[in-house]
């Protein structure tokens, strides 16, 4: 993977993480770095799932892939928030 691919993965991860956090209602007790980390992981897993379901390469914007990634980010933010809430 080239440096431009790594940088684009981080930028897309940030966007996916923030969108995933916006989808989850209420206040989340996780920091921005956790949101970015969840977004990057969700973007990578979402891309793999989109490839597995053969919906990753469509004409125009890959809306289905984005929805998968955002949904995974929302699940990740919720899971991380609940795990941190249990520790308090």
C-alpha atoms as a PDB file:
ATOM      1  CA  UNK A   1       0.000   0.000   0.000  1.00  0.00           C
ATOM      2  CA  UNK A   2       1.346   3.407  -0.978  1.00  0.00           C
ATOM      3  CA  UNK A   3       1.461   6.423   1.310  1.00  0.00           C
ATOM      4  CA  UNK A   4      -1.400   8.047  -0.613  1.00  0.00           C
ATOM      5  CA  UNK A   5      -3.527   4.971   0.075  1.00  0.00           C
ATOM      6  CA  UNK A   6      -2.775   5.154   3.785  1.00  0.00           C
ATOM      7  CA  UNK A   7      -3.568   8.867   3.923  1.00  0.00           C
ATOM      8  CA  UNK A   8      -6.824   8.384   2.029  1.00  0.00           C
ATOM      9  CA  UNK A   9      -7.780   5.509   4.367  1.00  0.00           C
ATOM     10  CA  UNK A  10      -7.241   7.787   7.368  1.00  0.00           C
ATOM     11  CA  UNK A  11      -9.267  10.628   5.826  1.00  0.00           C
ATOM     12  CA  UNK A  12     -12.106   8.296   4.856  1.00  0.00           C
ATOM     13  CA  UNK A  13     -11.925   6.736   8.327  1.00  0.00           C
ATOM     14  CA  UNK A  14     -12.324  10.152   9.921  1.00  0.00           C
ATOM     15  CA  UNK A  15     -15.367  10.896   7.767  1.00  0.00           C
ATOM     16  CA  UNK A  16     -16.908   7.471   8.396  1.00  0.00           C
ATOM     17  CA  UNK A  17     -16.263   7.733  12.148  1.00  0.00           C
ATOM     18  CA  UNK A  18     -17.856  11.170  12.420  1.00  0.00           C
ATOM     19  CA  UNK A  19     -20.868  10.110  10.337  1.00  0.00           C
ATOM     20  CA  UNK A  20     -21.232   6.952  12.425  1.00  0.00           C
ATOM     21  CA  UNK A  21     -21.143   9.043  15.577  1.00  0.00           C
ATOM     22  CA  UNK A  22     -23.785  11.416  14.190  1.00  0.00           C
ATOM     23  CA  UNK A  23     -26.103   8.486  13.461  1.00  0.00           C
ATOM     24  CA  UNK A  24     -26.038   7.323  17.099  1.00  0.00           C
ATOM     25  CA  UNK A  25     -28.529   9.317  19.194  1.00  0.00           C
ATOM     26  CA  UNK A  26     -27.543  10.898  22.499  1.00  0.00           C
ATOM     27  CA  UNK A  27     -24.181  11.768  23.953  1.00  0.00           C
ATOM     28  CA  UNK A  28     -21.252   9.420  23.440  1.00  0.00           C
ATOM     29  CA  UNK A  29     -18.547   9.300  26.092  1.00  0.00           C
ATOM     30  CA  UNK A  30     -15.672   8.537  23.752  1.00  0.00           C
ATOM     31  CA  UNK A  31     -13.016  10.887  22.453  1.00  0.00           C
ATOM     32  CA  UNK A  32     -12.315  11.974  18.913  1.00  0.00           C
ATOM     33  CA  UNK A  33      -9.317   9.635  18.605  1.00  0.00           C
ATOM     34  CA  UNK A  34     -11.526   6.634  19.424  1.00  0.00           C
ATOM     35  CA  UNK A  35     -14.064   7.917  16.885  1.00  0.00           C
ATOM     36  CA  UNK A  36     -11.350   8.093  14.229  1.00  0.00           C
ATOM     37  CA  UNK A  37     -10.054   4.618  15.125  1.00  0.00           C
ATOM     38  CA  UNK A  38     -13.570   3.163  14.933  1.00  0.00           C
ATOM     39  CA  UNK A  39     -14.076   4.932  11.604  1.00  0.00           C
ATOM     40  CA  UNK A  40     -10.886   3.538  10.095  1.00  0.00           C
ATOM     41  CA  UNK A  41     -11.716  -0.015  11.215  1.00  0.00           C
ATOM     42  CA  UNK A  42     -15.313   0.353   9.990  1.00  0.00           C
ATOM     43  CA  UNK A  43     -14.106   1.661   6.626  1.00  0.00           C
ATOM     44  CA  UNK A  44     -11.744  -1.291   6.173  1.00  0.00           C
ATOM     45  CA  UNK A  45     -14.281  -3.928   7.256  1.00  0.00           C
ATOM     46  CA  UNK A  46     -17.057  -2.212   5.286  1.00  0.00           C
ATOM     47  CA  UNK A  47     -14.944  -2.239   2.127  1.00  0.00           C
ATOM     48  CA  UNK A  48     -14.207  -5.934   2.603  1.00  0.00           C
ATOM     49  CA  UNK A  49     -17.920  -6.691   3.093  1.00  0.00           C
ATOM     50  CA  UNK A  50     -18.849  -4.622   0.055  1.00  0.00           C
ATOM     51  CA  UNK A  51     -16.309  -6.578  -1.995  1.00  0.00           C
ATOM     52  CA  UNK A  52     -17.715  -9.860  -0.647  1.00  0.00           C
ATOM     53  CA  UNK A  53     -21.263  -8.852  -1.619  1.00  0.00           C
ATOM     54  CA  UNK A  54     -20.012  -7.496  -4.972  1.00  0.00           C
ATOM     55  CA  UNK A  55     -21.386  -3.987  -4.398  1.00  0.00           C
ATOM     56  CA  UNK A  56     -18.107  -2.127  -4.014  1.00  0.00           C
ATOM     57  CA  UNK A  57     -17.696  -1.121  -7.659  1.00  0.00           C
ATOM     58  CA  UNK A  58     -20.761   0.574  -9.069  1.00  0.00           C
ATOM     59  CA  UNK A  59     -21.330   3.351 -11.559  1.00  0.00           C
ATOM     60  CA  UNK A  60     -20.985   6.667  -9.762  1.00  0.00           C
ATOM     61  CA  UNK A  61     -20.841   6.944  -5.981  1.00  0.00           C
ATOM     62  CA  UNK A  62     -20.724   3.665  -4.062  1.00  0.00           C
ATOM     63  CA  UNK A  63     -23.667   4.459  -1.787  1.00  0.00           C
ATOM     64  CA  UNK A  64     -24.155   0.894  -0.583  1.00  0.00           C
ATOM     65  CA  UNK A  65     -20.524   0.636   0.488  1.00  0.00           C
ATOM     66  CA  UNK A  66     -20.795   3.967   2.337  1.00  0.00           C
ATOM     67  CA  UNK A  67     -23.957   2.825   4.116  1.00  0.00           C
ATOM     68  CA  UNK A  68     -22.270  -0.403   5.210  1.00  0.00           C
ATOM     69  CA  UNK A  69     -19.263   1.525   6.521  1.00  0.00           C
ATOM     70  CA  UNK A  70     -21.374   4.127   8.341  1.00  0.00           C
ATOM     71  CA  UNK A  71     -23.543   1.401   9.873  1.00  0.00           C
ATOM     72  CA  UNK A  72     -20.464  -0.436  11.123  1.00  0.00           C
ATOM     73  CA  UNK A  73     -19.054   2.800  12.534  1.00  0.00           C
ATOM     74  CA  UNK A  74     -22.336   3.470  14.364  1.00  0.00           C
ATOM     75  CA  UNK A  75     -22.218  -0.041  15.827  1.00  0.00           C
ATOM     76  CA  UNK A  76     -18.589   0.450  16.834  1.00  0.00           C
ATOM     77  CA  UNK A  77     -19.242   3.821  18.478  1.00  0.00           C
ATOM     78  CA  UNK A  78     -22.225   2.400  20.366  1.00  0.00           C
ATOM     79  CA  UNK A  79     -20.285  -0.681  21.518  1.00  0.00           C
ATOM     80  CA  UNK A  80     -17.302   1.377  22.649  1.00  0.00           C
ATOM     81  CA  UNK A  81     -19.541   3.903  24.422  1.00  0.00           C
ATOM     82  CA  UNK A  82     -21.364   1.163  26.292  1.00  0.00           C
ATOM     83  CA  UNK A  83     -18.138  -0.576  27.274  1.00  0.00           C
ATOM     84  CA  UNK A  84     -16.773   2.694  28.664  1.00  0.00           C
ATOM     85  CA  UNK A  85     -20.061   3.439  30.457  1.00  0.00           C
ATOM     86  CA  UNK A  86     -19.846   0.090  32.271  1.00  0.00           C
ATOM     87  CA  UNK A  87     -16.460   1.027  33.748  1.00  0.00           C
ATOM     88  CA  UNK A  88     -17.716   4.190  35.426  1.00  0.00           C
END
